[in-house]
Structures are given as structure tokens and as C-alpha cells.
């Protein structure tokens, strides 16, 4: 179990400047998106304005972070030998000015520490890695991009790439390291990617997460900031999955990809595979009609699961153009062909759409549809799946689909 300790921070400001490929680069003022946390009748809340753009808080003082951790521990009454404190924030952890002080204080509590995503750009002296390990850091998630220092300097604006890479080497040799890279076609893929993998493997890193670069709105840029990089065409989903699987074959690192795939435990949507069809007996029978509105990436998997549940005559799956279901907005709903959806529509729980907008948009043809949110997640992506077993994945997906079927049977039209 991990308890999140948010240190705050704002992208671009508390990370020594945007990486060229950063999701938050070019974000300007934007209208509130709407989400499930908004009040009825009011579009907009902290979640779908400040939090989605990570612009809410600058770095917090260490006593504030420490106090929040202590309060969480007391309220949860957790006494677990596997408990970790996961330091996280909107900025870059390596740029947090009180990192050594904070980790030292947390170490006194006897709880191991996980440094959440850091690029290492704030490391001017690689010896800090040794100090952090002495302060109880046992796990690090490190955005490496490339082990070529020139590429890091150019694309990440890392002014001391040799030092940040030395720190990564020290971490890899002594603690559990999950490295990560956003893959830019023609920049850090191909031969450069193999060089990075070889170096990480040699240093002793445990895992490597490949992240598909998003450059267009349908790929997830919902803050009006597309394209991030002009002239760069990201890998297609098929190309990206092939790359992930090939890297997994060629290296001993624990390789995962996001939004697809995990070659070791078949995420996402492991229960869509024929070999796992037997587990579908633990999902209730579908007894009502509905349309599942989902992302372009998830749709084929969900369709196969519905088929294997023998419910194709009751449930249809409608893919919008957005690759990621959690990043569906009302613009995606406005493009839905209403002739292809049923009287009940279930859409992703975390979609950035106000409930009243969803109802209005999906009933604009005069059909008064029932529009409801489904589960927040139906599966797990490569950022999490690498820490889970095959059984964990199956259990999480079955739980999510039981909730989904429950929503269909509750809101759907009985036949």
C-alpha cells in the first residue's frame, strides 16, 4: 500500500521549464470542462479547471506535507510492513527545494519512501541520490527520456544531464527503479531506444515504461494546446504495441506500455482474451439494453467481452474518436451519431463532461435517453500493471465489469 504525499508544484514553473514534449506545454486559459465532481447546475470545479491543468498549487513547505502524511496515517490506522510513502506533485520532485529535509523527516517515521515521477532535472550534484537512499528512498520512478545526455539537454532542457544520469545510475544500482520515456518518433526511438534500454539494464533498473507521445486532441490534448510539436506524427496504437512487445522480447527489463500494452500480464483488458474467457462466469448476466460509450482504444476489447458474455443483442459499444476514455469531453459527445446509440448510455466515470451536458447532448434528437456514468476504470494501464500480477489484473477487471453490468441492468431498458 502506498500513501500519496503531495508536495505541490506547477508544470513548467517548478520543474526548471517545460520539456519540449510536455503534455502541459502551450496550455492557456480554457473553459471549465465539467466532470462528476461539479455541482448540479454548475459546470466547473477545481477538478476540471485547476487540477486538470496542474496549476493549483506551488510547492508546499515540508511541515505541511509531513503533517498531511501523519494525519493520513492516523485516520487510516494503517500498520502495514509493506506501506510506502509515495512523494508526488505537479512539479518535478528533483526540483523540490526541501526534498532532503522532507525525506529525512519521513524516514524518522520508519516508513519507506517512493519518489514518484521525477525527471532528475533538478539534480545538479548526483551525490544527492546517495543521500536520498540513506533517507529511506527505496523506490524511484524516473523519467529518463534517453540516456543520451545531448538528447536530454535538448528535449528536456536538462542543464546537467550527466549529473542526472549519474543519479539514475546510483538509484538503479541500489533501489527499485521504474524508468519511463515518452517516445517521440525519430527522436528517442529506434537505435536510441535500444541504447537506453541497454544502459538501464546494465545499471540494474527493474522496469521501463514506454509512453506514447500525444500530440493531438483525439490523443488526449483536451486543454486547447494541440499540437505540442508541429510536424511530429505519434505512433499509431498498433505501431506502439508492436514496439512495446519487441522491446520486451529483446530485454530483461520489466517492459510495459501506455496506453497499451503489458506483454507479461496481458493488460489492458486481459479478460477479453479467449484463454481468460472462463473468468467471465463471475460477471452477472446482462438483462437490459444499453450502449457503452467509450474510447477508440478500449472499444474493441469491450466489444469482445460483451460478445463472450453473449450479450451482443442487448449491448452495443460506441467508440468516440478520443483514444483515452478518461479524457472524453463534451466535444466527443457532440460528434456521436445518435442513430447508433440506444435509449440508455453508459459513459466513462472519469470523463470530463458535466452530467447535465451529457444528458442534453445525447438527447438532442428528441429521444429522452438515460445517460449515466460507469466505473472510473475498466482496466489498468502500463503505469500500474507492471507492479501487479496476472491474478491482480483479472480481479480488478472482473470487479470493474461487475460494476459496469450492474449499471447496465439498473439504468438499461429491460427486454
Protein backbone atom coordinates (compact mmCIF):
# COMPACT_ATOMS: atom_id res chain seq x y z
CA UNK A 1 0.00 0.00 0.00
CA UNK A 2 1.21 3.50 -0.81
CA UNK A 3 0.09 6.77 0.74
CA UNK A 4 0.38 9.76 -1.57
CA UNK A 5 2.29 12.72 -0.15
CA UNK A 6 1.59 15.68 -2.45
CA UNK A 7 4.41 18.26 -2.46
CA UNK A 8 2.56 20.53 -4.92
CA UNK A 9 4.27 22.28 -7.79
CA UNK A 10 3.22 23.65 -11.15
CA UNK A 11 4.38 22.21 -14.52
CA UNK A 12 6.75 24.49 -16.37
CA UNK A 13 7.39 26.59 -13.27
CA UNK A 14 8.54 24.09 -10.66
CA UNK A 15 10.49 21.82 -12.99
CA UNK A 16 13.07 24.20 -14.50
CA UNK A 17 10.97 24.68 -17.62
CA UNK A 18 8.81 22.53 -19.84
CA UNK A 19 10.24 19.54 -21.64
CA UNK A 20 9.57 20.02 -25.36
CA UNK A 21 7.05 17.18 -25.37
CA UNK A 22 5.31 18.04 -22.09
CA UNK A 23 1.55 17.46 -22.03
CA UNK A 24 1.05 20.81 -20.24
CA UNK A 25 3.10 22.91 -22.65
CA UNK A 26 1.13 25.63 -24.50
CA UNK A 27 -1.82 25.40 -22.09
CA UNK A 28 -3.60 28.75 -21.91
CA UNK A 29 -6.87 29.79 -20.31
CA UNK A 30 -9.63 27.31 -21.07
CA UNK A 31 -13.29 26.93 -20.23
CA UNK A 32 -14.26 24.59 -17.40
CA UNK A 33 -14.63 21.11 -18.83
CA UNK A 34 -17.18 19.70 -16.42
CA UNK A 35 -16.85 16.41 -14.54
CA UNK A 36 -18.56 14.18 -11.99
CA UNK A 37 -17.38 16.39 -9.13
CA UNK A 38 -19.22 19.51 -10.37
CA UNK A 39 -22.35 20.62 -8.56
CA UNK A 40 -25.66 20.09 -10.37
CA UNK A 41 -26.45 23.12 -12.49
CA UNK A 42 -22.89 24.43 -12.42
CA UNK A 43 -20.20 23.47 -14.90
CA UNK A 44 -16.75 23.78 -13.40
CA UNK A 45 -14.97 22.88 -10.16
CA UNK A 46 -11.36 22.64 -9.00
CA UNK A 47 -11.07 19.15 -10.50
CA UNK A 48 -11.92 20.13 -14.08
CA UNK A 49 -10.13 23.51 -14.04
CA UNK A 50 -7.11 23.92 -11.77
CA UNK A 51 -6.37 20.27 -11.07
CA UNK A 52 -6.60 19.03 -14.65
CA UNK A 53 -4.03 21.65 -15.68
CA UNK A 54 -1.93 21.01 -12.54
CA UNK A 55 -1.93 24.77 -11.90
CA UNK A 56 -3.48 24.81 -8.44
CA UNK A 57 -0.54 24.84 -6.03
CA UNK A 58 3.09 25.84 -5.92
CA UNK A 59 5.45 23.72 -3.82
CA UNK A 60 4.23 23.18 -0.25
CA UNK A 61 6.52 23.70 2.76
CA UNK A 62 7.84 20.40 4.18
CA UNK A 63 5.99 20.69 7.51
CA UNK A 64 2.70 20.92 5.58
CA UNK A 65 3.44 17.75 3.59
CA UNK A 66 4.62 15.93 6.71
CA UNK A 67 1.52 16.93 8.66
CA UNK A 68 -0.75 15.63 5.87
CA UNK A 69 1.08 12.29 5.87
CA UNK A 70 0.79 11.97 9.65
CA UNK A 71 -2.92 12.78 9.53
CA UNK A 72 -3.49 10.22 6.78
CA UNK A 73 -1.66 7.54 8.73
CA UNK A 74 -3.68 8.26 11.88
CA UNK A 75 -7.02 8.35 10.08
CA UNK A 76 -6.36 5.18 8.10
CA UNK A 77 -4.86 3.37 11.09
CA UNK A 78 -2.56 1.54 8.70
CA UNK A 79 0.11 -0.67 10.19
CA UNK A 80 1.44 -2.48 7.19
CA UNK A 81 5.04 -3.56 6.80
CA UNK A 82 4.67 -3.05 3.02
CA UNK A 83 3.43 0.54 3.38
CA UNK A 84 5.29 3.21 1.42
CA UNK A 85 5.03 6.97 1.27
CA UNK A 86 4.73 8.00 -2.38
CA UNK A 87 6.06 11.53 -2.85
CA UNK A 88 4.29 13.13 -5.79
CA UNK A 89 3.41 16.54 -7.19
CA UNK A 90 2.63 18.69 -10.19
CA UNK A 91 6.21 19.93 -10.39
CA UNK A 92 9.38 17.86 -10.58
CA UNK A 93 10.36 16.20 -7.29
CA UNK A 94 14.06 16.70 -8.01
CA UNK A 95 13.34 20.45 -8.06
CA UNK A 96 11.60 20.43 -4.68
CA UNK A 97 13.91 22.60 -2.54
CA UNK A 98 13.20 20.70 0.69
CA UNK A 99 13.48 17.16 -0.65
CA UNK A 100 16.31 16.07 1.66
CA UNK A 101 14.69 17.65 4.69
CA UNK A 102 11.32 16.06 3.93
CA UNK A 103 12.69 12.57 3.25
CA UNK A 104 14.78 12.75 6.41
CA UNK A 105 11.68 13.57 8.47
CA UNK A 106 9.65 10.82 6.82
CA UNK A 107 12.49 8.36 7.44
CA UNK A 108 12.18 9.04 11.17
CA UNK A 109 8.65 7.65 10.93
CA UNK A 110 10.09 4.31 9.81
CA UNK A 111 8.20 4.22 6.51
CA UNK A 112 10.00 3.54 3.19
CA UNK A 113 9.73 6.22 0.51
CA UNK A 114 8.84 6.09 -3.16
CA UNK A 115 9.91 9.07 -5.23
CA UNK A 116 7.08 9.44 -7.71
CA UNK A 117 7.74 10.82 -11.18
CA UNK A 118 10.89 12.86 -11.38
CA UNK A 119 12.95 13.71 -14.43
CA UNK A 120 16.09 14.41 -12.44
CA UNK A 121 16.33 17.88 -14.00
CA UNK A 122 16.74 19.43 -10.57
CA UNK A 123 19.83 17.34 -9.78
CA UNK A 124 23.00 19.41 -10.04
CA UNK A 125 25.06 17.01 -7.95
CA UNK A 126 24.49 13.27 -8.39
CA UNK A 127 25.54 12.63 -4.77
CA UNK A 128 22.02 13.63 -3.71
CA UNK A 129 20.94 10.16 -4.85
CA UNK A 130 23.12 8.62 -2.12
CA UNK A 131 21.68 10.99 0.49
CA UNK A 132 18.12 10.18 -0.57
CA UNK A 133 18.79 6.45 -0.33
CA UNK A 134 20.18 7.00 3.19
CA UNK A 135 16.94 8.87 3.95
CA UNK A 136 14.84 5.81 3.20
CA UNK A 137 14.12 6.09 -0.52
CA UNK A 138 13.56 2.52 -1.70
CA UNK A 139 11.76 3.11 -4.99
CA UNK A 140 12.11 5.72 -7.73
CA UNK A 141 10.07 6.39 -10.87
CA UNK A 142 12.42 8.29 -13.16
CA UNK A 143 11.58 9.91 -16.49
CA UNK A 144 14.77 9.20 -18.40
CA UNK A 145 13.59 10.02 -21.99
CA UNK A 146 17.03 8.92 -23.20
CA UNK A 147 20.38 8.04 -21.68
CA UNK A 148 21.98 10.21 -24.36
CA UNK A 149 22.87 13.39 -22.42
CA UNK A 150 22.64 15.55 -25.54
CA UNK A 151 19.06 14.42 -26.19
CA UNK A 152 18.14 15.07 -22.57
CA UNK A 153 19.60 18.56 -22.75
CA UNK A 154 17.84 19.42 -25.99
CA UNK A 155 14.44 17.81 -25.39
CA UNK A 156 14.11 18.02 -21.61
CA UNK A 157 16.01 21.26 -21.02
CA UNK A 158 18.23 19.36 -18.60
CA UNK A 159 21.16 21.69 -17.92
CA UNK A 160 23.15 18.98 -16.11
CA UNK A 161 22.31 15.75 -17.95
CA UNK A 162 25.49 13.98 -16.87
CA UNK A 163 24.63 14.52 -13.20
CA UNK A 164 21.00 13.48 -13.55
CA UNK A 165 22.05 10.31 -15.40
CA UNK A 166 24.69 9.55 -12.75
CA UNK A 167 21.95 9.86 -10.13
CA UNK A 168 19.75 7.49 -12.14
CA UNK A 169 22.64 5.02 -12.28
CA UNK A 170 23.10 5.25 -8.50
CA UNK A 171 19.39 4.72 -7.91
CA UNK A 172 19.32 1.77 -10.32
CA UNK A 173 22.25 0.09 -8.60
CA UNK A 174 20.79 0.43 -5.10
CA UNK A 175 16.99 0.67 -5.11
CA UNK A 176 13.98 -0.30 -7.21
CA UNK A 177 13.86 1.91 -10.30
CA UNK A 178 10.98 2.20 -12.74
CA UNK A 179 12.28 4.26 -15.64
CA UNK A 180 9.93 5.90 -18.13
CA UNK A 181 10.19 7.52 -21.55
CA UNK A 182 7.74 9.39 -23.72
CA UNK A 183 8.55 8.03 -27.18
CA UNK A 184 8.97 10.68 -29.89
CA UNK A 185 9.20 9.11 -33.38
CA UNK A 186 12.52 9.90 -34.99
CA UNK A 187 14.00 11.28 -31.76
CA UNK A 188 14.39 8.72 -28.96
CA UNK A 189 13.00 5.60 -30.61
CA UNK A 190 14.79 3.05 -32.81
CA UNK A 191 18.52 2.76 -32.12
CA UNK A 192 18.38 5.42 -29.40
CA UNK A 193 15.67 3.48 -27.57
CA UNK A 194 17.76 0.31 -27.69
CA UNK A 195 20.76 2.22 -26.31
CA UNK A 196 18.61 3.49 -23.44
CA UNK A 197 17.26 0.02 -22.68
CA UNK A 198 20.75 -1.49 -22.74
CA UNK A 199 22.05 1.16 -20.36
CA UNK A 200 19.13 0.78 -17.95
CA UNK A 201 19.54 -2.98 -17.95
CA UNK A 202 23.27 -2.68 -17.31
CA UNK A 203 22.72 -0.28 -14.40
CA UNK A 204 20.18 -2.58 -12.79
CA UNK A 205 16.87 -0.78 -13.31
CA UNK A 206 13.90 -3.03 -12.63
CA UNK A 207 11.36 -1.73 -15.14
CA UNK A 208 10.89 0.56 -18.11
CA UNK A 209 7.59 2.19 -19.04
CA UNK A 210 7.16 3.28 -22.67
CA UNK A 211 4.65 6.12 -23.05
CA UNK A 212 3.15 7.00 -26.40
CA UNK A 213 3.56 10.68 -27.23
CA UNK A 214 0.26 12.56 -27.54
CA UNK A 215 0.20 15.47 -29.99
CA UNK A 216 -3.44 15.90 -30.97
CA UNK A 217 -6.78 16.42 -29.29
CA UNK A 218 -8.08 12.93 -30.06
CA UNK A 219 -4.97 11.52 -28.37
CA UNK A 220 -5.75 13.38 -25.16
CA UNK A 221 -4.83 17.06 -25.50
CA UNK A 222 -8.03 18.48 -24.04
CA UNK A 223 -6.64 21.83 -22.83
CA UNK A 224 -6.56 23.57 -26.20
CA UNK A 225 -2.82 23.10 -26.62
CA UNK A 226 -2.51 20.93 -29.72
CA UNK A 227 -0.18 20.31 -31.35
CA UNK A 228 2.60 20.32 -28.80
CA UNK A 229 5.18 19.65 -31.51
CA UNK A 230 4.44 20.66 -35.08
CA UNK A 231 5.38 18.14 -37.75
CA UNK A 232 5.59 15.18 -35.36
CA UNK A 233 3.22 12.29 -36.05
CA UNK A 234 2.92 9.99 -32.99
CA UNK A 235 2.94 6.23 -33.36
CA UNK A 236 -0.38 4.60 -34.10
CA UNK A 237 -1.72 2.30 -31.40
CA UNK A 238 -0.76 -0.74 -33.49
CA UNK A 239 2.77 0.55 -34.13
CA UNK A 240 3.22 1.39 -30.48
CA UNK A 241 2.05 -2.01 -29.26
CA UNK A 242 4.39 -3.76 -31.70
CA UNK A 243 7.30 -1.67 -30.39
CA UNK A 244 6.47 -2.47 -26.75
CA UNK A 245 6.27 -6.20 -27.45
CA UNK A 246 9.53 -6.19 -29.39
CA UNK A 247 11.41 -4.33 -26.65
CA UNK A 248 10.00 -6.80 -24.12
CA UNK A 249 11.41 -9.69 -26.17
CA UNK A 250 14.84 -8.12 -26.52
CA UNK A 251 15.49 -7.05 -22.91
CA UNK A 252 15.20 -8.43 -19.39
CA UNK A 253 13.68 -5.24 -18.04
CA UNK A 254 10.04 -5.35 -16.96
CA UNK A 255 8.58 -3.61 -20.02
CA UNK A 256 5.13 -2.04 -20.09
CA UNK A 257 3.47 0.46 -22.41
CA UNK A 258 0.75 3.04 -22.02
CA UNK A 259 -1.94 3.24 -23.33
CA UNK A 260 -1.02 -0.30 -24.48
CA UNK A 261 0.29 -2.85 -23.56
CA UNK A 262 1.73 -5.18 -20.88
CA UNK A 263 3.23 -8.27 -22.55
CA UNK A 264 3.61 -10.10 -19.24
CA UNK A 265 0.09 -9.97 -17.78
CA UNK A 266 -1.99 -9.05 -20.85
CA UNK A 267 -3.25 -5.69 -19.60
CA UNK A 268 -5.24 -3.81 -20.67
CA UNK A 269 -8.42 -5.90 -20.75
CA UNK A 270 -6.88 -9.29 -20.01
CA UNK A 271 -10.36 -10.80 -19.61
CA UNK A 272 -11.03 -10.14 -23.30
CA UNK A 273 -8.61 -12.93 -24.24
CA UNK A 274 -10.04 -16.34 -25.07
CA UNK A 275 -7.72 -18.02 -22.57
CA UNK A 276 -9.35 -15.95 -19.81
CA UNK A 277 -12.91 -16.44 -21.01
CA UNK A 278 -13.55 -18.82 -18.13
CA UNK A 279 -13.39 -15.92 -15.67
CA UNK A 280 -16.41 -14.24 -17.26
CA UNK A 281 -18.65 -16.63 -15.34
CA UNK A 282 -18.04 -14.36 -12.34
CA UNK A 283 -19.75 -11.42 -14.09
CA UNK A 284 -23.56 -11.21 -13.64
CA UNK A 285 -25.88 -11.82 -16.56
CA UNK A 286 -26.74 -8.75 -18.63
CA UNK A 287 -30.52 -8.32 -18.61
CA UNK A 288 -31.08 -4.87 -20.12
CA UNK A 289 -30.32 -2.88 -23.25
CA UNK A 290 -27.73 -0.11 -23.27
CA UNK A 291 -24.90 1.45 -25.23
CA UNK A 292 -21.45 1.63 -23.72
CA UNK A 293 -19.85 4.84 -24.96
CA UNK A 294 -16.08 4.52 -24.73
CA UNK A 295 -12.73 5.40 -26.27
CA UNK A 296 -11.38 4.25 -29.61
CA UNK A 297 -8.66 2.20 -27.92
CA UNK A 298 -10.91 0.45 -25.41
CA UNK A 299 -13.84 -0.26 -27.72
CA UNK A 300 -12.53 -3.43 -29.48
CA UNK A 301 -11.67 -5.05 -26.15
CA UNK A 302 -15.06 -4.21 -24.60
CA UNK A 303 -16.89 -5.45 -27.70
CA UNK A 304 -15.14 -8.80 -27.41
CA UNK A 305 -16.01 -9.09 -23.71
CA UNK A 306 -19.67 -8.29 -24.43
CA UNK A 307 -19.62 -10.90 -27.21
CA UNK A 308 -18.13 -13.51 -24.89
CA UNK A 309 -20.84 -12.65 -22.36
CA UNK A 310 -23.35 -13.47 -25.12
CA UNK A 311 -24.98 -10.05 -24.77
CA UNK A 312 -24.41 -8.58 -28.24
CA UNK A 313 -28.16 -8.40 -28.84
CA UNK A 314 -28.59 -6.21 -25.75
CA UNK A 315 -25.45 -4.09 -25.52
CA UNK A 316 -23.70 -2.08 -28.21
CA UNK A 317 -20.31 -0.43 -27.86
CA UNK A 318 -19.86 3.00 -29.40
CA UNK A 319 -16.29 4.35 -29.79
CA UNK A 320 -15.68 8.09 -29.93
CA UNK A 321 -12.52 9.45 -31.55
CA UNK A 322 -10.74 10.04 -28.22
CA UNK A 323 -8.05 7.44 -27.50
CA UNK A 324 -8.45 7.60 -23.71
CA UNK A 325 -11.86 7.22 -22.07
CA UNK A 326 -10.97 9.33 -19.02
CA UNK A 327 -10.25 12.27 -21.37
CA UNK A 328 -13.56 12.22 -23.21
CA UNK A 329 -15.14 15.70 -23.26
CA UNK A 330 -18.49 17.08 -24.37
CA UNK A 331 -16.98 17.75 -27.81
CA UNK A 332 -16.64 14.00 -28.26
CA UNK A 333 -20.30 13.53 -27.32
CA UNK A 334 -21.38 16.19 -29.80
CA UNK A 335 -19.90 14.09 -32.61
CA UNK A 336 -21.82 10.93 -31.66
CA UNK A 337 -24.24 9.58 -34.28
CA UNK A 338 -27.37 9.33 -32.15
CA UNK A 339 -28.93 6.86 -34.58
CA UNK A 340 -26.38 4.30 -33.41
CA UNK A 341 -26.98 4.52 -29.67
CA UNK A 342 -29.74 3.03 -27.52
CA UNK A 343 -32.08 4.68 -25.02
CA UNK A 344 -29.58 4.14 -22.19
CA UNK A 345 -25.97 5.25 -22.50
CA UNK A 346 -23.19 4.40 -20.02
CA UNK A 347 -20.07 6.54 -20.38
CA UNK A 348 -16.70 6.54 -18.52
CA UNK A 349 -16.94 7.62 -14.89
CA UNK A 350 -13.96 9.97 -15.06
CA UNK A 351 -14.87 11.60 -18.38
CA UNK A 352 -14.57 15.39 -18.35
CA UNK A 353 -18.24 16.04 -19.09
CA UNK A 354 -20.85 17.56 -16.78
CA UNK A 355 -23.75 15.18 -16.19
CA UNK A 356 -26.31 17.69 -17.48
CA UNK A 357 -24.24 18.35 -20.62
CA UNK A 358 -24.04 14.62 -21.30
CA UNK A 359 -27.81 14.22 -20.88
CA UNK A 360 -28.60 17.22 -23.08
CA UNK A 361 -26.15 16.39 -25.87
CA UNK A 362 -27.07 12.71 -26.12
CA UNK A 363 -30.82 13.53 -26.16
CA UNK A 364 -30.70 16.33 -28.71
CA UNK A 365 -32.53 14.20 -31.31
CA UNK A 366 -35.68 14.25 -29.17
CA UNK A 367 -35.12 10.85 -27.55
CA UNK A 368 -35.06 11.33 -23.77
CA UNK A 369 -32.19 8.98 -23.03
CA UNK A 370 -30.97 7.80 -19.67
CA UNK A 371 -27.31 8.82 -19.53
CA UNK A 372 -25.21 7.52 -16.63
CA UNK A 373 -21.59 7.19 -15.60
CA UNK A 374 -19.99 3.79 -15.44
CA UNK A 375 -16.95 2.76 -13.38
CA UNK A 376 -13.96 5.09 -13.27
CA UNK A 377 -11.75 2.41 -14.82
CA UNK A 378 -12.38 -0.90 -16.56
CA UNK A 379 -8.74 -2.00 -16.60
CA UNK A 380 -5.25 -0.76 -15.71
CA UNK A 381 -2.59 0.80 -17.93
CA UNK A 382 1.15 0.20 -18.12
CA UNK A 383 1.96 2.74 -15.43
CA UNK A 384 0.36 0.43 -12.86
CA UNK A 385 0.20 -3.02 -14.43
CA UNK A 386 3.95 -3.57 -14.07
CA UNK A 387 3.51 -3.80 -10.30
CA UNK A 388 0.59 -6.25 -10.49
CA UNK A 389 0.32 -9.99 -11.00
CA UNK A 390 -1.83 -11.74 -13.59
CA UNK A 391 -4.33 -12.52 -10.84
CA UNK A 392 -4.41 -8.86 -9.73
CA UNK A 393 -5.29 -7.73 -13.25
CA UNK A 394 -8.05 -10.32 -13.63
CA UNK A 395 -9.55 -9.46 -10.23
CA UNK A 396 -9.57 -5.71 -10.91
CA UNK A 397 -11.14 -6.12 -14.33
CA UNK A 398 -13.79 -8.51 -13.07
CA UNK A 399 -14.71 -6.10 -10.28
CA UNK A 400 -14.96 -3.21 -12.76
CA UNK A 401 -17.10 -5.18 -15.22
CA UNK A 402 -19.39 -6.35 -12.43
CA UNK A 403 -19.95 -2.67 -11.65
CA UNK A 404 -20.48 -1.91 -15.35
CA UNK A 405 -23.02 -4.70 -15.76
CA UNK A 406 -24.71 -3.51 -12.57
CA UNK A 407 -25.10 -0.05 -14.13
CA UNK A 408 -26.45 -1.55 -17.38
CA UNK A 409 -29.02 -3.66 -15.53
CA UNK A 410 -30.06 -0.77 -13.30
CA UNK A 411 -30.34 2.00 -15.89
CA UNK A 412 -30.93 -0.04 -19.05
CA UNK A 413 -34.21 -0.89 -20.74
CA UNK A 414 -35.33 -4.37 -19.75
CA UNK A 415 -36.05 -6.79 -22.57
